[in-house]
């Protein structure tokens, strides 16, 4: 039996609201995640948005 001390990820309904996400289209984080060639061109703002999006899923 594997030992798993990791806590489950919070549900979306329990995640804090980010007002700045209201103007972001859902397809944009996915497009960023599947385009590794653009990784060096991402701004700090986009990196912050994509990491928050991944954490909120």
PDB file of N, CA and C in Angstrom:
ATOM      1  N   UNK A   1       0.849  -1.206   0.000  1.00  0.00           N
ATOM      2  CA  UNK A   1       0.000   0.000   0.000  1.00  0.00           C
ATOM      3  C   UNK A   1       0.875   1.243   0.000  1.00  0.00           C
ATOM      4  N   UNK A   2       0.799   2.053  -1.028  1.00  0.00           N
ATOM      5  CA  UNK A   2       1.666   3.251  -1.093  1.00  0.00           C
ATOM      6  C   UNK A   2       1.265   4.283  -0.045  1.00  0.00           C
ATOM      7  N   UNK A   3       2.267   4.941   0.467  1.00  0.00           N
ATOM      8  CA  UNK A   3       2.021   6.004   1.449  1.00  0.00           C
ATOM      9  C   UNK A   3       1.861   7.316   0.702  1.00  0.00           C
ATOM     10  N   UNK A   4       0.751   8.000   0.931  1.00  0.00           N
ATOM     11  CA  UNK A   4       0.491   9.248   0.238  1.00  0.00           C
ATOM     12  C   UNK A   4       0.111  10.309   1.260  1.00  0.00           C
ATOM     13  N   UNK A   5       1.049  11.220   1.542  1.00  0.00           N
ATOM     14  CA  UNK A   5       0.786  12.290   2.493  1.00  0.00           C
ATOM     15  C   UNK A   5       0.337  13.573   1.810  1.00  0.00           C
ATOM     16  N   UNK A   6       0.212  13.536   0.480  1.00  0.00           N
ATOM     17  CA  UNK A   6      -0.170  14.748  -0.255  1.00  0.00           C
ATOM     18  C   UNK A   6      -1.626  15.081   0.024  1.00  0.00           C
ATOM     19  N   UNK A   7      -1.879  16.348   0.194  1.00  0.00           N
ATOM     20  CA  UNK A   7      -3.257  16.794   0.405  1.00  0.00           C
ATOM     21  C   UNK A   7      -3.959  16.906  -0.948  1.00  0.00           C
ATOM     22  N   UNK A   8      -5.247  16.582  -1.031  1.00  0.00           N
ATOM     23  CA  UNK A   8      -5.965  16.713  -2.309  1.00  0.00           C
ATOM     24  C   UNK A   8      -6.067  18.174  -2.728  1.00  0.00           C
ATOM     25  N   UNK A   9      -6.094  18.394  -4.023  1.00  0.00           N
ATOM     26  CA  UNK A   9      -6.210  19.764  -4.530  1.00  0.00           C
ATOM     27  C   UNK A   9      -7.571  20.339  -4.167  1.00  0.00           C
ATOM     28  N   UNK A  10      -7.619  21.645  -3.891  1.00  0.00           N
ATOM     29  CA  UNK A  10      -8.913  22.256  -3.546  1.00  0.00           C
ATOM     30  C   UNK A  10      -9.868  22.215  -4.734  1.00  0.00           C
ATOM     31  N   UNK A  11     -11.140  22.074  -4.434  1.00  0.00           N
ATOM     32  CA  UNK A  11     -12.151  22.087  -5.496  1.00  0.00           C
ATOM     33  C   UNK A  11     -12.265  23.486  -6.090  1.00  0.00           C
ATOM     34  N   UNK A  12     -12.724  23.545  -7.330  1.00  0.00           N
ATOM     35  CA  UNK A  12     -12.817  24.834  -8.009  1.00  0.00           C
ATOM     36  C   UNK A  12     -13.739  25.789  -7.257  1.00  0.00           C
ATOM     37  N   UNK A  13     -14.805  25.256  -6.675  1.00  0.00           N
ATOM     38  CA  UNK A  13     -15.742  26.139  -5.994  1.00  0.00           C
ATOM     39  C   UNK A  13     -15.154  26.710  -4.703  1.00  0.00           C
ATOM     40  N   UNK A  14     -14.100  26.049  -4.188  1.00  0.00           N
ATOM     41  CA  UNK A  14     -13.456  26.549  -2.974  1.00  0.00           C
ATOM     42  C   UNK A  14     -12.265  27.461  -3.272  1.00  0.00           C
ATOM     43  N   UNK A  15     -11.897  27.548  -4.543  1.00  0.00           N
ATOM     44  CA  UNK A  15     -10.742  28.372  -4.903  1.00  0.00           C
ATOM     45  C   UNK A  15     -11.090  29.854  -4.801  1.00  0.00           C
ATOM     46  N   UNK A  16     -10.131  30.697  -4.400  1.00  0.00           N
ATOM     47  CA  UNK A  16     -10.404  32.134  -4.330  1.00  0.00           C
ATOM     48  C   UNK A  16     -10.669  32.703  -5.719  1.00  0.00           C
ATOM     49  N   UNK A  17     -11.474  33.732  -5.764  1.00  0.00           N
ATOM     50  CA  UNK A  17     -11.823  34.341  -7.047  1.00  0.00           C
ATOM     51  C   UNK A  17     -10.718  35.293  -7.497  1.00  0.00           C
ATOM     52  N   UNK A  18     -10.361  35.227  -8.761  1.00  0.00           N
ATOM     53  CA  UNK A  18      -9.371  36.149  -9.318  1.00  0.00           C
ATOM     54  C   UNK A  18     -10.077  37.035 -10.343  1.00  0.00           C
ATOM     55  N   UNK A  19     -10.380  38.278  -9.994  1.00  0.00           N
ATOM     56  CA  UNK A  19     -11.134  39.147 -10.915  1.00  0.00           C
ATOM     57  C   UNK A  19     -10.430  39.329 -12.257  1.00  0.00           C
ATOM     58  N   UNK A  20      -9.080  39.276 -12.257  1.00  0.00           N
ATOM     59  CA  UNK A  20      -8.371  39.512 -13.510  1.00  0.00           C
ATOM     60  C   UNK A  20      -8.601  38.388 -14.523  1.00  0.00           C
ATOM     61  N   UNK A  21      -9.111  37.250 -14.062  1.00  0.00           N
ATOM     62  CA  UNK A  21      -9.369  36.154 -14.983  1.00  0.00           C
ATOM     63  C   UNK A  21     -10.619  36.384 -15.824  1.00  0.00           C
ATOM     64  N   UNK A  22     -11.457  37.343 -15.430  1.00  0.00           N
ATOM     65  CA  UNK A  22     -12.720  37.533 -16.131  1.00  0.00           C
ATOM     66  C   UNK A  22     -12.500  37.954 -17.586  1.00  0.00           C
ATOM     67  N   UNK A  23     -11.351  38.562 -17.885  1.00  0.00           N
ATOM     68  CA  UNK A  23     -11.098  39.014 -19.246  1.00  0.00           C
ATOM     69  C   UNK A  23     -10.203  38.044 -20.013  1.00  0.00           C
ATOM     70  N   UNK A  24      -9.838  36.930 -19.405  1.00  0.00           N
ATOM     71  CA  UNK A  24      -8.960  35.957 -20.060  1.00  0.00           C
ATOM     72  C   UNK A  24      -9.811  34.846 -20.668  1.00  0.00           C
ATOM     73  N   UNK A  25      -9.568  34.554 -21.917  1.00  0.00           N
ATOM     74  CA  UNK A  25     -10.309  33.477 -22.569  1.00  0.00           C
ATOM     75  C   UNK A  25      -9.746  32.126 -22.118  1.00  0.00           C
ATOM     76  N   UNK A  26     -10.608  31.122 -21.911  1.00  0.00           N
ATOM     77  CA  UNK A  26     -10.138  29.823 -21.426  1.00  0.00           C
ATOM     78  C   UNK A  26      -9.115  29.168 -22.345  1.00  0.00           C
ATOM     79  N   UNK A  27      -9.127  29.499 -23.628  1.00  0.00           N
ATOM     80  CA  UNK A  27      -8.221  28.838 -24.556  1.00  0.00           C
ATOM     81  C   UNK A  27      -6.787  29.354 -24.435  1.00  0.00           C
ATOM     82  N   UNK A  28      -6.597  30.532 -23.849  1.00  0.00           N
ATOM     83  CA  UNK A  28      -5.253  31.104 -23.811  1.00  0.00           C
ATOM     84  C   UNK A  28      -4.265  30.304 -22.942  1.00  0.00           C
ATOM     85  N   UNK A  29      -4.623  29.902 -21.712  1.00  0.00           N
ATOM     86  CA  UNK A  29      -3.670  29.113 -20.938  1.00  0.00           C
ATOM     87  C   UNK A  29      -3.311  27.795 -21.629  1.00  0.00           C
ATOM     88  N   UNK A  30      -4.293  27.169 -22.288  1.00  0.00           N
ATOM     89  CA  UNK A  30      -4.024  25.917 -22.977  1.00  0.00           C
ATOM     90  C   UNK A  30      -3.064  26.153 -24.146  1.00  0.00           C
ATOM     91  N   UNK A  31      -3.254  27.251 -24.854  1.00  0.00           N
ATOM     92  CA  UNK A  31      -2.377  27.548 -25.986  1.00  0.00           C
ATOM     93  C   UNK A  31      -0.948  27.792 -25.499  1.00  0.00           C
ATOM     94  N   UNK A  32      -0.819  28.431 -24.344  1.00  0.00           N
ATOM     95  CA  UNK A  32       0.510  28.680 -23.789  1.00  0.00           C
ATOM     96  C   UNK A  32       1.165  27.356 -23.397  1.00  0.00           C
ATOM     97  N   UNK A  33       0.384  26.444 -22.801  1.00  0.00           N
ATOM     98  CA  UNK A  33       0.952  25.209 -22.281  1.00  0.00           C
ATOM     99  C   UNK A  33       1.410  24.270 -23.398  1.00  0.00           C
ATOM    100  N   UNK A  34       0.836  24.384 -24.596  1.00  0.00           N
ATOM    101  CA  UNK A  34       1.215  23.476 -25.676  1.00  0.00           C
ATOM    102  C   UNK A  34       2.184  24.141 -26.657  1.00  0.00           C
ATOM    103  N   UNK A  35       2.709  25.305 -26.309  1.00  0.00           N
ATOM    104  CA  UNK A  35       3.652  25.995 -27.186  1.00  0.00           C
ATOM    105  C   UNK A  35       4.990  26.205 -26.470  1.00  0.00           C
ATOM    106  N   UNK A  36       5.803  25.147 -26.325  1.00  0.00           N
ATOM    107  CA  UNK A  36       7.067  25.278 -25.597  1.00  0.00           C
ATOM    108  C   UNK A  36       8.053  26.241 -26.263  1.00  0.00           C
ATOM    109  N   UNK A  37       7.918  26.442 -27.570  1.00  0.00           N
ATOM    110  CA  UNK A  37       8.846  27.332 -28.252  1.00  0.00           C
ATOM    111  C   UNK A  37       8.650  28.779 -27.823  1.00  0.00           C
ATOM    112  N   UNK A  38       7.473  29.092 -27.279  1.00  0.00           N
ATOM    113  CA  UNK A  38       7.202  30.453 -26.837  1.00  0.00           C
ATOM    114  C   UNK A  38       7.502  30.643 -25.348  1.00  0.00           C
ATOM    115  N   UNK A  39       8.016  29.619 -24.703  1.00  0.00           N
ATOM    116  CA  UNK A  39       8.203  29.692 -23.249  1.00  0.00           C
ATOM    117  C   UNK A  39       9.147  30.830 -22.863  1.00  0.00           C
ATOM    118  N   UNK A  40      10.187  31.062 -23.675  1.00  0.00           N
ATOM    119  CA  UNK A  40      11.140  32.110 -23.320  1.00  0.00           C
ATOM    120  C   UNK A  40      10.582  33.497 -23.604  1.00  0.00           C
ATOM    121  N   UNK A  41       9.475  33.560 -24.351  1.00  0.00           N
ATOM    122  CA  UNK A  41       8.897  34.854 -24.702  1.00  0.00           C
ATOM    123  C   UNK A  41       7.739  35.245 -23.787  1.00  0.00           C
ATOM    124  N   UNK A  42       7.378  34.365 -22.863  1.00  0.00           N
ATOM    125  CA  UNK A  42       6.255  34.673 -21.975  1.00  0.00           C
ATOM    126  C   UNK A  42       6.658  35.758 -20.985  1.00  0.00           C
ATOM    127  N   UNK A  43       5.747  36.674 -20.754  1.00  0.00           N
ATOM    128  CA  UNK A  43       6.006  37.701 -19.748  1.00  0.00           C
ATOM    129  C   UNK A  43       5.750  37.130 -18.369  1.00  0.00           C
ATOM    130  N   UNK A  44       6.232  37.814 -17.338  1.00  0.00           N
ATOM    131  CA  UNK A  44       6.003  37.355 -15.969  1.00  0.00           C
ATOM    132  C   UNK A  44       4.512  37.284 -15.674  1.00  0.00           C
ATOM    133  N   UNK A  45       3.739  38.186 -16.271  1.00  0.00           N
ATOM    134  CA  UNK A  45       2.287  38.198 -16.053  1.00  0.00           C
ATOM    135  C   UNK A  45       1.651  36.924 -16.599  1.00  0.00           C
ATOM    136  N   UNK A  46       2.051  36.505 -17.798  1.00  0.00           N
ATOM    137  CA  UNK A  46       1.482  35.296 -18.380  1.00  0.00           C
ATOM    138  C   UNK A  46       1.884  34.061 -17.576  1.00  0.00           C
ATOM    139  N   UNK A  47       3.124  34.031 -17.108  1.00  0.00           N
ATOM    140  CA  UNK A  47       3.562  32.897 -16.296  1.00  0.00           C
ATOM    141  C   UNK A  47       2.737  32.829 -15.016  1.00  0.00           C
ATOM    142  N   UNK A  48       2.458  33.975 -14.414  1.00  0.00           N
ATOM    143  CA  UNK A  48       1.658  33.998 -13.192  1.00  0.00           C
ATOM    144  C   UNK A  48       0.238  33.515 -13.484  1.00  0.00           C
ATOM    145  N   UNK A  49      -0.339  33.956 -14.578  1.00  0.00           N
ATOM    146  CA  UNK A  49      -1.686  33.518 -14.932  1.00  0.00           C
ATOM    147  C   UNK A  49      -1.729  32.006 -15.186  1.00  0.00           C
ATOM    148  N   UNK A  50      -0.760  31.494 -15.934  1.00  0.00           N
ATOM    149  CA  UNK A  50      -0.795  30.077 -16.267  1.00  0.00           C
ATOM    150  C   UNK A  50      -0.591  29.220 -15.020  1.00  0.00           C
ATOM    151  N   UNK A  51       0.278  29.646 -14.095  1.00  0.00           N
ATOM    152  CA  UNK A  51       0.479  28.855 -12.888  1.00  0.00           C
ATOM    153  C   UNK A  51      -0.750  28.901 -12.000  1.00  0.00           C
ATOM    154  N   UNK A  52      -1.424  30.048 -11.932  1.00  0.00           N
ATOM    155  CA  UNK A  52      -2.653  30.141 -11.145  1.00  0.00           C
ATOM    156  C   UNK A  52      -3.747  29.286 -11.770  1.00  0.00           C
ATOM    157  N   UNK A  53      -3.788  29.276 -13.105  1.00  0.00           N
ATOM    158  CA  UNK A  53      -4.813  28.488 -13.783  1.00  0.00           C
ATOM    159  C   UNK A  53      -4.605  27.004 -13.513  1.00  0.00           C
ATOM    160  N   UNK A  54      -3.353  26.560 -13.608  1.00  0.00           N
ATOM    161  CA  UNK A  54      -3.061  25.141 -13.366  1.00  0.00           C
ATOM    162  C   UNK A  54      -3.420  24.776 -11.929  1.00  0.00           C
ATOM    163  N   UNK A  55      -3.095  25.673 -10.982  1.00  0.00           N
ATOM    164  CA  UNK A  55      -3.371  25.391  -9.581  1.00  0.00           C
ATOM    165  C   UNK A  55      -4.875  25.361  -9.312  1.00  0.00           C
ATOM    166  N   UNK A  56      -5.657  26.125 -10.096  1.00  0.00           N
ATOM    167  CA  UNK A  56      -7.096  26.210  -9.849  1.00  0.00           C
ATOM    168  C   UNK A  56      -7.862  25.039 -10.468  1.00  0.00           C
ATOM    169  N   UNK A  57      -7.231  24.300 -11.365  1.00  0.00           N
ATOM    170  CA  UNK A  57      -7.942  23.193 -12.018  1.00  0.00           C
ATOM    171  C   UNK A  57      -8.208  22.057 -11.026  1.00  0.00           C
TER     172      UNK A  57
END
